Amino acid sequence: MNRFFKTRRNDGNVFFYILLGVFLFGALTYALMQNDLESSNTSREEMNVAYTQILQYQSELRQAVQNVFDNGASEADIRFAHPDADNTYGDITDTPQFQIFSEEGGAATYRTPPPATNTTYDEWLFTGSTMIANVGANIGDLTAVIPGVSEEFCDFYNEKLGLADGGTFPEDTGYCLMPPERDKSNFYFTGIFETNGLDWGSFAYRPAMTACVRCSDDTSLRYIYTVIYER
């Protein structure tokens, strides 16, 4: 009889440890799922902050261009020199009243792209090489560009703008915002405008003063542009 009760007691202990193991495994799984969810939410929050920062910078740069015009500059006189920028833009002390990032000129802050864009570049590019459809006349506009952004952020950006029609990217062919050889030195604005036009067939609406565009000749390349002066 004692042996019988001892066996029942041992069986109960085993059953208890099995239940405890199941409970602990479930708790661990739940904690990991919550951590993944929080990480995902944080990522979207970071992308939303980056999206807002880009639009705010567009407004800041547009105002800076107007400030330079108020100082008597022509559109060809506008310059984007800064100590942290590529020297192709020139020297910020050269006619500072026409410099976008000079206190005497546009008084804009020189910024790097938001980290959440995951860009492969560490700078904004300023160019007059692209004509944005239905923005001003059919000539090149002055745009600020973040090249090489991630697919994830590009999707997010276009979704926020209502441009991700059916989940597809706005796409450009040929020249595609930057020269085919991706040589940035031919892209920096030094007073020259060109008339390369974006291919608007894949855009959900136009004009689009800002968008993320995928290059059809190399679909791994994605660029965010914002118009800071329409011509």
Protein backbone atom coordinates (compact mmCIF):
# COMPACT_ATOMS: atom_id res chain seq x y z
CA MET A 1 0.00 0.00 0.00
CA ASN A 2 2.81 2.46 0.86
CA ARG A 3 4.49 1.63 -2.42
CA PHE A 4 1.28 2.48 -4.27
CA PHE A 5 0.96 5.92 -2.65
CA LYS A 6 4.64 6.64 -3.24
CA THR A 7 4.23 5.87 -6.96
CA ARG A 8 1.16 8.12 -7.21
CA ARG A 9 3.09 10.91 -5.47
CA ASN A 10 6.03 10.59 -7.89
CA ASP A 11 3.67 10.63 -10.86
CA GLY A 12 2.14 13.82 -9.54
CA ASN A 13 5.51 15.47 -9.23
CA VAL A 14 6.38 14.59 -12.83
CA PHE A 15 3.05 15.98 -14.04
CA PHE A 16 3.66 19.20 -12.08
CA TYR A 17 7.09 19.72 -13.68
CA ILE A 18 5.63 19.09 -17.13
CA LEU A 19 2.96 21.74 -16.55
CA LEU A 20 5.60 24.13 -15.19
CA GLY A 21 7.75 23.59 -18.28
CA VAL A 22 4.80 24.23 -20.60
CA PHE A 23 3.94 27.40 -18.71
CA LEU A 24 7.52 28.72 -18.79
CA PHE A 25 7.85 27.92 -22.50
CA GLY A 26 4.61 29.78 -23.20
CA ALA A 27 5.74 32.77 -21.16
CA LEU A 28 9.07 32.88 -23.00
CA THR A 29 7.36 32.67 -26.39
CA TYR A 30 4.98 35.49 -25.47
CA ALA A 31 7.86 37.69 -24.27
CA LEU A 32 9.78 37.12 -27.50
CA MET A 33 6.69 37.92 -29.59
CA GLN A 34 6.13 41.13 -27.63
CA ASN A 35 9.77 42.10 -28.12
CA ASP A 36 9.50 41.52 -31.88
CA LEU A 37 6.30 43.56 -31.99
CA GLU A 38 7.87 46.42 -30.05
CA SER A 39 10.93 46.35 -32.36
CA SER A 40 8.65 46.49 -35.40
CA ASN A 41 6.65 49.37 -33.94
CA THR A 42 9.83 51.24 -33.06
CA SER A 43 11.06 50.82 -36.62
CA ARG A 44 7.86 52.28 -38.03
CA GLU A 45 8.00 55.08 -35.50
CA GLU A 46 11.55 55.88 -36.61
CA MET A 47 10.50 55.85 -40.25
CA ASN A 48 7.57 58.13 -39.47
CA VAL A 49 9.93 60.57 -37.73
CA ALA A 50 12.25 60.45 -40.77
CA TYR A 51 9.32 61.07 -43.11
CA THR A 52 8.32 64.16 -41.12
CA GLN A 53 11.92 65.39 -41.00
CA ILE A 54 12.24 65.16 -44.78
CA LEU A 55 9.10 67.20 -45.36
CA GLN A 56 10.21 69.76 -42.78
CA TYR A 57 13.60 70.03 -44.47
CA GLN A 58 11.89 70.54 -47.81
CA SER A 59 10.04 73.53 -46.30
CA GLU A 60 13.22 74.87 -44.72
CA LEU A 61 15.14 74.65 -48.01
CA ARG A 62 12.31 76.24 -49.99
CA GLN A 63 12.35 79.18 -47.58
CA ALA A 64 16.14 79.37 -47.86
CA VAL A 65 15.90 79.62 -51.64
CA GLN A 66 13.43 82.47 -51.27
CA ASN A 67 15.79 84.20 -48.82
CA VAL A 68 18.58 84.02 -51.38
CA PHE A 69 16.31 85.43 -54.07
CA ASP A 70 15.41 88.26 -51.70
CA ASN A 71 19.14 88.99 -51.51
CA GLY A 72 19.20 89.61 -55.25
CA ALA A 73 20.36 86.21 -56.55
CA SER A 74 19.24 84.78 -59.86
CA GLU A 75 18.34 81.08 -60.01
CA ALA A 76 21.79 80.35 -61.47
CA ASP A 77 23.46 82.15 -58.54
CA ILE A 78 22.11 79.77 -55.88
CA ARG A 79 24.84 77.76 -54.16
CA PHE A 80 24.91 74.90 -51.63
CA ALA A 81 28.46 75.16 -50.30
CA HIS A 82 29.18 74.07 -46.74
CA PRO A 83 32.34 72.87 -44.90
CA ASP A 84 30.80 69.39 -44.58
CA ALA A 85 29.56 69.24 -48.18
CA ASP A 86 31.42 68.13 -51.28
CA ASN A 87 33.80 70.83 -52.49
CA THR A 88 32.15 70.72 -55.92
CA TYR A 89 29.52 73.04 -54.43
CA GLY A 90 32.21 75.67 -53.88
CA ASP A 91 33.16 77.71 -50.83
CA ILE A 92 30.53 79.05 -48.44
CA THR A 93 32.49 82.32 -48.12
CA ASP A 94 32.10 82.97 -51.86
CA THR A 95 29.18 85.43 -52.17
CA PRO A 96 27.69 84.25 -48.86
CA GLN A 97 24.41 86.11 -49.44
CA PHE A 98 23.68 83.62 -52.25
CA GLN A 99 24.64 80.54 -50.21
CA ILE A 100 21.75 78.40 -48.95
CA PHE A 101 23.60 77.38 -45.76
CA SER A 102 25.12 80.77 -44.93
CA GLU A 103 23.56 82.90 -42.19
CA GLU A 104 23.89 85.84 -44.57
CA GLY A 105 22.12 83.91 -47.31
CA GLY A 106 19.44 81.24 -47.00
CA ALA A 107 20.17 80.56 -43.31
CA ALA A 108 19.24 76.87 -43.72
CA THR A 109 20.86 74.21 -41.55
CA TYR A 110 23.11 71.71 -43.31
CA ARG A 111 21.76 68.27 -42.44
CA THR A 112 22.53 64.64 -43.22
CA PRO A 113 19.71 62.23 -44.21
CA PRO A 114 17.68 60.73 -41.33
CA PRO A 115 19.15 57.37 -40.18
CA ALA A 116 15.86 55.53 -40.76
CA THR A 117 16.24 56.05 -44.53
CA ASN A 118 19.16 53.59 -44.39
CA THR A 119 20.74 55.45 -47.28
CA THR A 120 24.04 54.25 -48.70
CA TYR A 121 25.14 57.91 -48.90
CA ASP A 122 25.89 60.30 -46.04
CA GLU A 123 24.62 63.46 -47.67
CA TRP A 124 21.71 65.18 -49.34
CA LEU A 125 22.40 65.98 -52.99
CA PHE A 126 21.25 69.24 -54.56
CA THR A 127 20.67 69.27 -58.29
CA GLY A 128 19.01 71.07 -61.16
CA SER A 129 19.17 68.08 -63.49
CA THR A 130 15.60 66.79 -63.22
CA MET A 131 12.32 68.13 -64.59
CA ILE A 132 9.35 67.17 -62.43
CA ALA A 133 6.18 66.77 -64.47
CA ASN A 134 3.45 69.39 -64.00
CA VAL A 135 5.70 71.38 -61.63
CA GLY A 136 6.31 74.83 -63.13
CA ALA A 137 7.29 74.89 -66.80
CA ASN A 138 8.82 71.99 -68.72
CA ILE A 139 12.37 72.76 -67.60
CA GLY A 140 14.66 71.45 -64.87
CA ASP A 141 13.67 72.11 -61.27
CA LEU A 142 15.89 72.52 -58.24
CA THR A 143 15.61 69.40 -56.11
CA ALA A 144 17.12 67.92 -52.95
CA VAL A 145 17.79 64.19 -53.25
CA ILE A 146 18.57 61.34 -50.85
CA PRO A 147 20.07 58.58 -53.01
CA GLY A 148 20.26 54.90 -52.14
CA VAL A 149 17.44 54.66 -49.58
CA SER A 150 16.26 51.24 -48.44
CA GLU A 151 13.35 49.43 -50.06
CA GLU A 152 11.54 49.37 -46.71
CA PHE A 153 11.74 53.11 -46.22
CA CYS A 154 10.95 53.82 -49.87
CA ASP A 155 7.75 51.79 -49.56
CA PHE A 156 6.85 53.54 -46.33
CA TYR A 157 7.52 57.00 -47.77
CA ASN A 158 5.36 56.43 -50.83
CA GLU A 159 2.58 54.89 -48.75
CA LYS A 160 2.50 57.99 -46.56
CA LEU A 161 2.29 60.15 -49.69
CA GLY A 162 -0.38 57.98 -51.32
CA LEU A 163 2.01 57.13 -54.18
CA ALA A 164 2.34 53.39 -53.58
CA ASP A 165 -0.48 52.54 -55.97
CA GLY A 166 -1.17 48.84 -55.59
CA GLY A 167 2.07 48.44 -53.67
CA THR A 168 4.26 49.36 -56.65
CA PHE A 169 7.12 51.84 -56.75
CA PRO A 170 7.08 55.01 -58.82
CA GLU A 171 9.72 54.11 -61.37
CA ASP A 172 11.97 56.08 -63.68
CA THR A 173 13.81 54.96 -66.79
CA GLY A 174 17.08 56.01 -68.38
CA TYR A 175 18.88 58.85 -66.61
CA CYS A 176 16.92 58.22 -63.40
CA LEU A 177 17.63 61.26 -61.20
CA MET A 178 21.38 60.61 -61.28
CA PRO A 179 23.70 59.95 -64.24
CA PRO A 180 23.74 56.33 -65.44
CA GLU A 181 27.31 55.91 -64.18
CA ARG A 182 26.10 57.15 -60.73
CA ASP A 183 28.82 59.79 -60.75
CA LYS A 184 27.74 62.31 -58.12
CA SER A 185 30.24 64.89 -59.32
CA ASN A 186 28.09 65.42 -62.44
CA PHE A 187 25.04 65.85 -60.27
CA TYR A 188 25.92 68.63 -57.80
CA PHE A 189 24.21 71.94 -58.56
CA THR A 190 26.62 74.68 -59.65
CA GLY A 191 24.14 76.95 -61.40
CA ILE A 192 23.31 74.73 -64.38
CA PHE A 193 19.83 73.31 -65.02
CA GLU A 194 19.02 70.41 -67.32
CA THR A 195 15.74 69.04 -68.67
CA ASN A 196 15.86 65.34 -67.84
CA GLY A 197 12.25 64.38 -67.14
CA LEU A 198 10.97 61.69 -64.81
CA ASP A 199 8.92 58.88 -66.33
CA TRP A 200 5.49 59.51 -64.80
CA GLY A 201 3.67 56.42 -66.01
CA SER A 202 3.96 54.64 -62.67
CA PHE A 203 3.00 57.61 -60.45
CA ALA A 204 -0.40 57.48 -58.77
CA TYR A 205 -0.82 61.25 -59.14
CA ARG A 206 1.03 64.34 -60.29
CA PRO A 207 2.45 66.79 -59.66
CA ALA A 208 4.38 65.05 -56.90
CA MET A 209 6.57 67.59 -55.13
CA THR A 210 8.31 64.70 -53.38
CA ALA A 211 8.46 60.93 -53.92
CA CYS A 212 10.68 57.88 -53.69
CA VAL A 213 11.62 56.60 -57.15
CA ARG A 214 13.05 53.26 -58.20
CA CYS A 215 15.39 53.12 -61.19
CA SER A 216 14.24 50.67 -63.85
CA ASP A 217 17.78 50.01 -65.09
CA ASP A 218 18.87 48.97 -61.58
CA THR A 219 15.90 48.21 -59.34
CA SER A 220 18.11 48.09 -56.25
CA LEU A 221 18.56 51.87 -56.52
CA ARG A 222 15.96 54.14 -54.94
CA TYR A 223 16.00 57.91 -54.57
CA ILE A 224 13.89 60.33 -52.57
CA TYR A 225 13.57 63.74 -54.19
CA THR A 226 11.92 66.90 -52.94
CA VAL A 227 11.35 69.98 -55.08
CA ILE A 228 12.81 73.06 -53.38
CA TYR A 229 12.37 75.44 -56.31
CA GLU A 230 10.09 74.92 -59.31
CA ARG A 231 10.91 76.73 -62.54
